[in-house]
Amino acid sequence: MPKSKKTKKKQIDLASFEIKRDIDIPPFTIQNVVSTFSLGVSGLNLKYIALKYHYAEFNPQTFAAATIRIRNPRTTALAFASGNMVITGANSPLLSRYAARKYVRIFQHVGIPVCMSKFRIQNIVASADVGFTIKLQDIANDYGPYCSYEPDLFPGLIFRSISPKLVFLCFRSGKIVITGGKNIQEIDTTYSSLFSNILVKYRDNENSTVSSSEYRNMIKNKRDISGL
């Protein structure tokens, strides 16, 4: 028997919604910035660098990149033999760029002729707490084509925005995780739109003390009763 194809979820255009400025929108916090840049050289001898200089860790049997860490700003970088680098851990785009320059100076300090080029922010991860419990199932019922909610597999509801392309993980507790951002402005605008037009309408005042697992069981019981 052929497997039934899953219906592809649509992406909601949150940019088309009007942001309601009369609503107090909880702030979000940037948790991680992922950026990439090039050292302007190719054919880095990562094994030689790791053996000669203490700042790099390299185990080719585990991963094809050398790992470098700095304390200020506290970040981790992956250096590839191609000369490309990936930085994670910064909590702002500005600090991520600053970290990239410090990694370049580390290479230059030991006599490796490199420079920073093609710096790009690839992903900004942010989080927020809306301050109230959310009726996730009600959102899933009303916005089914635009979101995914399968509490048996994952406790959060997944919203995908098309303009800009962001992913929102909305949890029962009111915690929100935002991924896919390229700049802070698009996160601010889209999150504000999602909160003021959708999330604020699904505040759960009746069962505010019900946890994620209890909420999942409550939904199951309702489905069982309606199925009888």
C-alpha atoms as a PDB file:
ATOM      1  CA  MET A   1       0.000   0.000   0.000  1.00  0.00           C
ATOM      2  CA  PRO A   2       1.559   3.350  -1.039  1.00  0.00           C
ATOM      3  CA  LYS A   3       2.434   5.760   1.729  1.00  0.00           C
ATOM      4  CA  SER A   4       0.215   8.798   1.973  1.00  0.00           C
ATOM      5  CA  LYS A   5       2.089  12.024   1.309  1.00  0.00           C
ATOM      6  CA  LYS A   6       2.238  14.584   4.070  1.00  0.00           C
ATOM      7  CA  THR A   7       0.515  17.845   3.252  1.00  0.00           C
ATOM      8  CA  LYS A   8       3.160  20.519   2.787  1.00  0.00           C
ATOM      9  CA  LYS A   9       2.722  23.355   5.235  1.00  0.00           C
ATOM     10  CA  LYS A  10       2.279  26.853   3.868  1.00  0.00           C
ATOM     11  CA  GLN A  11       4.346  29.742   5.143  1.00  0.00           C
ATOM     12  CA  ILE A  12       2.427  32.613   6.663  1.00  0.00           C
ATOM     13  CA  ASP A  13       3.228  36.173   5.564  1.00  0.00           C
ATOM     14  CA  LEU A  14       3.457  37.905   8.926  1.00  0.00           C
ATOM     15  CA  ALA A  15       4.742  41.037   7.216  1.00  0.00           C
ATOM     16  CA  SER A  16       1.245  41.546   5.795  1.00  0.00           C
ATOM     17  CA  PHE A  17      -0.218  41.929   9.301  1.00  0.00           C
ATOM     18  CA  GLU A  18      -0.414  45.327  10.941  1.00  0.00           C
ATOM     19  CA  ILE A  19       1.589  45.535  14.171  1.00  0.00           C
ATOM     20  CA  LYS A  20      -0.643  46.763  16.983  1.00  0.00           C
ATOM     21  CA  ARG A  21       1.500  49.311  18.792  1.00  0.00           C
ATOM     22  CA  ASP A  22      -1.054  49.779  21.582  1.00  0.00           C
ATOM     23  CA  ILE A  23      -0.172  46.281  22.883  1.00  0.00           C
ATOM     24  CA  ASP A  24       2.769  45.880  25.251  1.00  0.00           C
ATOM     25  CA  ILE A  25       5.021  43.444  23.370  1.00  0.00           C
ATOM     26  CA  PRO A  26       7.469  41.455  25.557  1.00  0.00           C
ATOM     27  CA  PRO A  27      11.101  41.867  24.482  1.00  0.00           C
ATOM     28  CA  PHE A  28      13.188  39.162  22.866  1.00  0.00           C
ATOM     29  CA  THR A  29      16.807  38.305  23.632  1.00  0.00           C
ATOM     30  CA  ILE A  30      19.442  37.207  21.124  1.00  0.00           C
ATOM     31  CA  GLN A  31      20.919  33.879  22.221  1.00  0.00           C
ATOM     32  CA  ASN A  32      23.277  32.994  19.386  1.00  0.00           C
ATOM     33  CA  VAL A  33      24.602  34.419  16.139  1.00  0.00           C
ATOM     34  CA  VAL A  34      26.066  32.160  13.455  1.00  0.00           C
ATOM     35  CA  SER A  35      28.302  33.858  10.916  1.00  0.00           C
ATOM     36  CA  THR A  36      30.691  32.799   8.183  1.00  0.00           C
ATOM     37  CA  PHE A  37      33.653  34.422   6.491  1.00  0.00           C
ATOM     38  CA  SER A  38      36.691  33.553   4.402  1.00  0.00           C
ATOM     39  CA  LEU A  39      40.355  33.824   5.403  1.00  0.00           C
ATOM     40  CA  GLY A  40      41.241  34.608   1.799  1.00  0.00           C
ATOM     41  CA  VAL A  41      43.485  31.537   1.432  1.00  0.00           C
ATOM     42  CA  SER A  42      42.957  27.920   0.524  1.00  0.00           C
ATOM     43  CA  GLY A  43      44.795  24.791   1.504  1.00  0.00           C
ATOM     44  CA  LEU A  44      45.251  25.500   5.220  1.00  0.00           C
ATOM     45  CA  ASN A  45      47.304  22.755   6.837  1.00  0.00           C
ATOM     46  CA  LEU A  46      45.063  22.256   9.856  1.00  0.00           C
ATOM     47  CA  LYS A  47      47.090  19.359  11.236  1.00  0.00           C
ATOM     48  CA  TYR A  48      50.290  21.408  11.191  1.00  0.00           C
ATOM     49  CA  ILE A  49      48.555  24.396  12.793  1.00  0.00           C
ATOM     50  CA  ALA A  50      47.025  22.272  15.570  1.00  0.00           C
ATOM     51  CA  LEU A  51      50.337  20.548  16.327  1.00  0.00           C
ATOM     52  CA  LYS A  52      52.413  23.727  16.375  1.00  0.00           C
ATOM     53  CA  TYR A  53      50.005  26.173  17.975  1.00  0.00           C
ATOM     54  CA  HIS A  54      47.991  25.507  21.125  1.00  0.00           C
ATOM     55  CA  TYR A  55      45.009  27.654  20.126  1.00  0.00           C
ATOM     56  CA  ALA A  56      43.568  25.110  17.651  1.00  0.00           C
ATOM     57  CA  GLU A  57      42.091  21.641  18.241  1.00  0.00           C
ATOM     58  CA  PHE A  58      41.963  19.283  15.272  1.00  0.00           C
ATOM     59  CA  ASN A  59      40.895  15.657  15.036  1.00  0.00           C
ATOM     60  CA  PRO A  60      40.318  14.730  11.365  1.00  0.00           C
ATOM     61  CA  GLN A  61      38.774  11.390  12.330  1.00  0.00           C
ATOM     62  CA  THR A  62      35.991  13.197  14.162  1.00  0.00           C
ATOM     63  CA  PHE A  63      35.461  16.359  12.127  1.00  0.00           C
ATOM     64  CA  ALA A  64      37.050  18.011   9.113  1.00  0.00           C
ATOM     65  CA  ALA A  65      37.531  21.394  10.790  1.00  0.00           C
ATOM     66  CA  ALA A  66      39.829  22.756  13.488  1.00  0.00           C
ATOM     67  CA  THR A  67      38.140  24.277  16.539  1.00  0.00           C
ATOM     68  CA  ILE A  68      39.312  27.600  17.976  1.00  0.00           C
ATOM     69  CA  ARG A  69      37.837  29.385  20.995  1.00  0.00           C
ATOM     70  CA  ILE A  70      38.242  32.854  22.448  1.00  0.00           C
ATOM     71  CA  ARG A  71      36.955  34.240  25.752  1.00  0.00           C
ATOM     72  CA  ASN A  72      36.036  37.769  24.724  1.00  0.00           C
ATOM     73  CA  PRO A  73      33.613  37.696  23.076  1.00  0.00           C
ATOM     74  CA  ARG A  74      32.995  34.094  24.174  1.00  0.00           C
ATOM     75  CA  THR A  75      32.698  32.314  20.831  1.00  0.00           C
ATOM     76  CA  THR A  76      33.757  29.161  19.013  1.00  0.00           C
ATOM     77  CA  ALA A  77      35.073  29.070  15.453  1.00  0.00           C
ATOM     78  CA  LEU A  78      35.462  26.211  13.011  1.00  0.00           C
ATOM     79  CA  ALA A  79      38.329  26.622  10.538  1.00  0.00           C
ATOM     80  CA  PHE A  80      38.223  24.531   7.366  1.00  0.00           C
ATOM     81  CA  ALA A  81      41.123  23.673   5.072  1.00  0.00           C
ATOM     82  CA  SER A  82      39.383  25.661   2.324  1.00  0.00           C
ATOM     83  CA  GLY A  83      39.942  28.836   4.331  1.00  0.00           C
ATOM     84  CA  ASN A  84      36.293  29.208   5.290  1.00  0.00           C
ATOM     85  CA  MET A  85      35.331  29.796   8.914  1.00  0.00           C
ATOM     86  CA  VAL A  86      32.108  29.496  10.909  1.00  0.00           C
ATOM     87  CA  ILE A  87      31.588  31.385  14.178  1.00  0.00           C
ATOM     88  CA  THR A  88      28.960  30.565  16.806  1.00  0.00           C
ATOM     89  CA  GLY A  89      28.213  31.832  20.282  1.00  0.00           C
ATOM     90  CA  ALA A  90      28.092  35.611  19.913  1.00  0.00           C
ATOM     91  CA  ASN A  91      24.973  37.344  21.221  1.00  0.00           C
ATOM     92  CA  SER A  92      24.929  40.154  18.683  1.00  0.00           C
ATOM     93  CA  PRO A  93      25.914  40.582  15.003  1.00  0.00           C
ATOM     94  CA  LEU A  94      28.418  43.273  16.004  1.00  0.00           C
ATOM     95  CA  LEU A  95      30.172  40.954  18.467  1.00  0.00           C
ATOM     96  CA  SER A  96      30.198  38.189  15.858  1.00  0.00           C
ATOM     97  CA  ARG A  97      32.029  40.464  13.403  1.00  0.00           C
ATOM     98  CA  TYR A  98      34.396  41.580  16.174  1.00  0.00           C
ATOM     99  CA  ALA A  99      35.132  37.918  16.981  1.00  0.00           C
ATOM    100  CA  ALA A 100      35.856  37.225  13.303  1.00  0.00           C
ATOM    101  CA  ARG A 101      38.508  39.963  13.303  1.00  0.00           C
ATOM    102  CA  LYS A 102      40.092  38.507  16.450  1.00  0.00           C
ATOM    103  CA  TYR A 103      40.300  35.047  14.864  1.00  0.00           C
ATOM    104  CA  VAL A 104      41.988  36.556  11.828  1.00  0.00           C
ATOM    105  CA  ARG A 105      44.509  38.301  14.087  1.00  0.00           C
ATOM    106  CA  ILE A 106      45.264  34.987  15.807  1.00  0.00           C
ATOM    107  CA  PHE A 107      46.347  33.495  12.464  1.00  0.00           C
ATOM    108  CA  GLN A 108      48.248  36.636  11.515  1.00  0.00           C
ATOM    109  CA  HIS A 109      50.043  36.694  14.881  1.00  0.00           C
ATOM    110  CA  VAL A 110      51.693  33.310  14.153  1.00  0.00           C
ATOM    111  CA  GLY A 111      52.702  34.349  10.655  1.00  0.00           C
ATOM    112  CA  ILE A 112      49.888  32.850   8.571  1.00  0.00           C
ATOM    113  CA  PRO A 113      48.967  35.456   5.915  1.00  0.00           C
ATOM    114  CA  VAL A 114      45.170  35.676   6.054  1.00  0.00           C
ATOM    115  CA  CYS A 115      42.533  38.395   5.856  1.00  0.00           C
ATOM    116  CA  MET A 116      38.809  38.623   6.553  1.00  0.00           C
ATOM    117  CA  SER A 117      36.477  38.662   3.559  1.00  0.00           C
ATOM    118  CA  LYS A 118      32.891  37.731   2.660  1.00  0.00           C
ATOM    119  CA  PHE A 119      31.618  38.085   6.229  1.00  0.00           C
ATOM    120  CA  ARG A 120      27.939  37.164   6.482  1.00  0.00           C
ATOM    121  CA  ILE A 121      25.398  36.577   9.221  1.00  0.00           C
ATOM    122  CA  GLN A 122      23.816  33.198   8.489  1.00  0.00           C
ATOM    123  CA  ASN A 123      21.457  32.749  11.428  1.00  0.00           C
ATOM    124  CA  ILE A 124      20.327  34.658  14.489  1.00  0.00           C
ATOM    125  CA  VAL A 125      18.631  32.688  17.261  1.00  0.00           C
ATOM    126  CA  ALA A 126      16.501  34.651  19.720  1.00  0.00           C
ATOM    127  CA  SER A 127      14.122  33.810  22.545  1.00  0.00           C
ATOM    128  CA  ALA A 128      11.221  35.515  24.291  1.00  0.00           C
ATOM    129  CA  ASP A 129       8.744  34.892  27.073  1.00  0.00           C
ATOM    130  CA  VAL A 130       5.249  36.260  26.383  1.00  0.00           C
ATOM    131  CA  GLY A 131       4.310  35.931  30.045  1.00  0.00           C
ATOM    132  CA  PHE A 132       1.265  33.681  29.720  1.00  0.00           C
ATOM    133  CA  THR A 133       0.390  30.104  28.802  1.00  0.00           C
ATOM    134  CA  ILE A 134      -0.705  29.561  25.213  1.00  0.00           C
ATOM    135  CA  LYS A 135      -3.555  27.510  23.748  1.00  0.00           C
ATOM    136  CA  LEU A 136      -1.377  25.754  21.205  1.00  0.00           C
ATOM    137  CA  GLN A 137      -4.082  23.398  19.969  1.00  0.00           C
ATOM    138  CA  ASP A 138      -6.443  26.296  19.277  1.00  0.00           C
ATOM    139  CA  ILE A 139      -3.755  28.007  17.197  1.00  0.00           C
ATOM    140  CA  ALA A 140      -3.164  24.736  15.328  1.00  0.00           C
ATOM    141  CA  ASN A 141      -6.917  24.441  14.662  1.00  0.00           C
ATOM    142  CA  ASP A 142      -7.196  27.990  13.303  1.00  0.00           C
ATOM    143  CA  TYR A 143      -3.865  28.186  11.453  1.00  0.00           C
ATOM    144  CA  GLY A 144      -3.457  24.532  10.444  1.00  0.00           C
ATOM    145  CA  PRO A 145      -2.052  25.153   6.943  1.00  0.00           C
ATOM    146  CA  TYR A 146       0.631  27.469   8.340  1.00  0.00           C
ATOM    147  CA  CYS A 147       1.850  25.670  11.448  1.00  0.00           C
ATOM    148  CA  SER A 148       2.780  22.242  12.768  1.00  0.00           C
ATOM    149  CA  TYR A 149       1.739  20.917  16.161  1.00  0.00           C
ATOM    150  CA  GLU A 150       2.308  17.277  17.027  1.00  0.00           C
ATOM    151  CA  PRO A 151       2.680  17.201  20.835  1.00  0.00           C
ATOM    152  CA  ASP A 152       3.466  13.466  20.870  1.00  0.00           C
ATOM    153  CA  LEU A 153       6.610  14.154  18.835  1.00  0.00           C
ATOM    154  CA  PHE A 154       7.559  17.674  19.910  1.00  0.00           C
ATOM    155  CA  PRO A 155       5.982  19.838  22.641  1.00  0.00           C
ATOM    156  CA  GLY A 156       6.161  23.081  20.669  1.00  0.00           C
ATOM    157  CA  LEU A 157       4.065  24.531  17.879  1.00  0.00           C
ATOM    158  CA  ILE A 158       6.084  25.478  14.794  1.00  0.00           C
ATOM    159  CA  PHE A 159       5.204  28.615  12.823  1.00  0.00           C
ATOM    160  CA  ARG A 160       7.017  29.395   9.571  1.00  0.00           C
ATOM    161  CA  SER A 161       7.045  32.939   8.269  1.00  0.00           C
ATOM    162  CA  ILE A 162       7.514  33.558   4.548  1.00  0.00           C
ATOM    163  CA  SER A 163       8.478  37.226   4.687  1.00  0.00           C
ATOM    164  CA  PRO A 164      11.068  37.130   6.105  1.00  0.00           C
ATOM    165  CA  LYS A 165      11.852  33.417   6.355  1.00  0.00           C
ATOM    166  CA  LEU A 166      11.799  32.788  10.090  1.00  0.00           C
ATOM    167  CA  VAL A 167      10.796  29.830  12.229  1.00  0.00           C
ATOM    168  CA  PHE A 168       8.999  30.333  15.540  1.00  0.00           C
ATOM    169  CA  LEU A 169       8.871  27.548  18.133  1.00  0.00           C
ATOM    170  CA  CYS A 170       6.003  28.374  20.476  1.00  0.00           C
ATOM    171  CA  PHE A 171       5.742  26.450  23.739  1.00  0.00           C
ATOM    172  CA  ARG A 172       2.848  25.963  26.129  1.00  0.00           C
ATOM    173  CA  SER A 173       4.656  27.907  28.882  1.00  0.00           C
ATOM    174  CA  GLY A 174       4.801  31.052  26.737  1.00  0.00           C
ATOM    175  CA  LYS A 175       8.445  30.614  25.793  1.00  0.00           C
ATOM    176  CA  ILE A 176       9.222  31.423  22.147  1.00  0.00           C
ATOM    177  CA  VAL A 177      12.360  30.486  20.193  1.00  0.00           C
ATOM    178  CA  ILE A 178      13.045  32.325  16.928  1.00  0.00           C
ATOM    179  CA  THR A 179      15.499  31.010  14.337  1.00  0.00           C
ATOM    180  CA  GLY A 180      16.493  31.843  10.780  1.00  0.00           C
ATOM    181  CA  GLY A 181      16.939  35.588  11.161  1.00  0.00           C
ATOM    182  CA  LYS A 182      19.566  37.473   9.186  1.00  0.00           C
ATOM    183  CA  ASN A 183      19.237  40.768  11.062  1.00  0.00           C
ATOM    184  CA  ILE A 184      17.665  42.034  14.273  1.00  0.00           C
ATOM    185  CA  GLN A 185      15.163  44.311  12.548  1.00  0.00           C
ATOM    186  CA  GLU A 186      13.385  41.500  10.709  1.00  0.00           C
ATOM    187  CA  ILE A 187      13.164  39.468  13.924  1.00  0.00           C
ATOM    188  CA  ASP A 188      11.729  42.471  15.782  1.00  0.00           C
ATOM    189  CA  THR A 189       9.102  43.225  13.135  1.00  0.00           C
ATOM    190  CA  THR A 190       7.997  39.630  12.561  1.00  0.00           C
ATOM    191  CA  TYR A 191       7.925  38.659  16.242  1.00  0.00           C
ATOM    192  CA  SER A 192       5.916  41.797  17.063  1.00  0.00           C
ATOM    193  CA  SER A 193       3.442  40.915  14.306  1.00  0.00           C
ATOM    194  CA  LEU A 194       3.090  37.312  15.505  1.00  0.00           C
ATOM    195  CA  PHE A 195       2.560  38.376  19.116  1.00  0.00           C
ATOM    196  CA  SER A 196       0.109  41.237  18.547  1.00  0.00           C
ATOM    197  CA  ASN A 197      -1.990  39.488  15.884  1.00  0.00           C
ATOM    198  CA  ILE A 198      -1.956  35.830  16.931  1.00  0.00           C
ATOM    199  CA  LEU A 199      -0.365  34.848  20.237  1.00  0.00           C
ATOM    200  CA  VAL A 200      -2.126  37.449  22.373  1.00  0.00           C
ATOM    201  CA  LYS A 201      -5.503  36.076  21.234  1.00  0.00           C
ATOM    202  CA  TYR A 202      -4.713  32.574  22.524  1.00  0.00           C
ATOM    203  CA  ARG A 203      -3.899  33.330  26.151  1.00  0.00           C
ATOM    204  CA  ASP A 204      -5.060  30.417  28.317  1.00  0.00           C
ATOM    205  CA  ASN A 205      -6.617  31.975  31.402  1.00  0.00           C
ATOM    206  CA  GLU A 206      -8.703  28.946  32.369  1.00  0.00           C
ATOM    207  CA  ASN A 207      -5.898  26.373  32.529  1.00  0.00           C
ATOM    208  CA  SER A 208      -2.869  28.572  33.104  1.00  0.00           C
ATOM    209  CA  THR A 209      -1.302  26.116  35.565  1.00  0.00           C
ATOM    210  CA  VAL A 210      -1.547  23.127  33.219  1.00  0.00           C
ATOM    211  CA  SER A 211       1.905  21.920  32.102  1.00  0.00           C
ATOM    212  CA  SER A 212       2.847  20.779  28.592  1.00  0.00           C
ATOM    213  CA  SER A 213       2.371  17.092  29.395  1.00  0.00           C
ATOM    214  CA  GLU A 214      -0.954  17.723  31.156  1.00  0.00           C
ATOM    215  CA  TYR A 215      -2.073  19.893  28.249  1.00  0.00           C
ATOM    216  CA  ARG A 216      -1.171  17.119  25.792  1.00  0.00           C
ATOM    217  CA  ASN A 217      -3.201  14.604  27.806  1.00  0.00           C
ATOM    218  CA  MET A 218      -6.104  17.033  28.010  1.00  0.00           C
ATOM    219  CA  ILE A 219      -6.120  17.361  24.212  1.00  0.00           C
ATOM    220  CA  LYS A 220      -5.987  13.571  23.819  1.00  0.00           C
ATOM    221  CA  ASN A 221      -8.964  13.136  26.156  1.00  0.00           C
ATOM    222  CA  LYS A 222     -10.984  15.693  24.220  1.00  0.00           C
ATOM    223  CA  ARG A 223     -10.178  13.913  20.953  1.00  0.00           C
ATOM    224  CA  ASP A 224     -11.167  10.540  22.435  1.00  0.00           C
ATOM    225  CA  ILE A 225     -14.471  11.919  23.699  1.00  0.00           C
ATOM    226  CA  SER A 226     -15.281  13.661  20.387  1.00  0.00           C
ATOM    227  CA  GLY A 227     -14.416  10.455  18.523  1.00  0.00           C
ATOM    228  CA  LEU A 228     -16.957   8.380  20.397  1.00  0.00           C
END
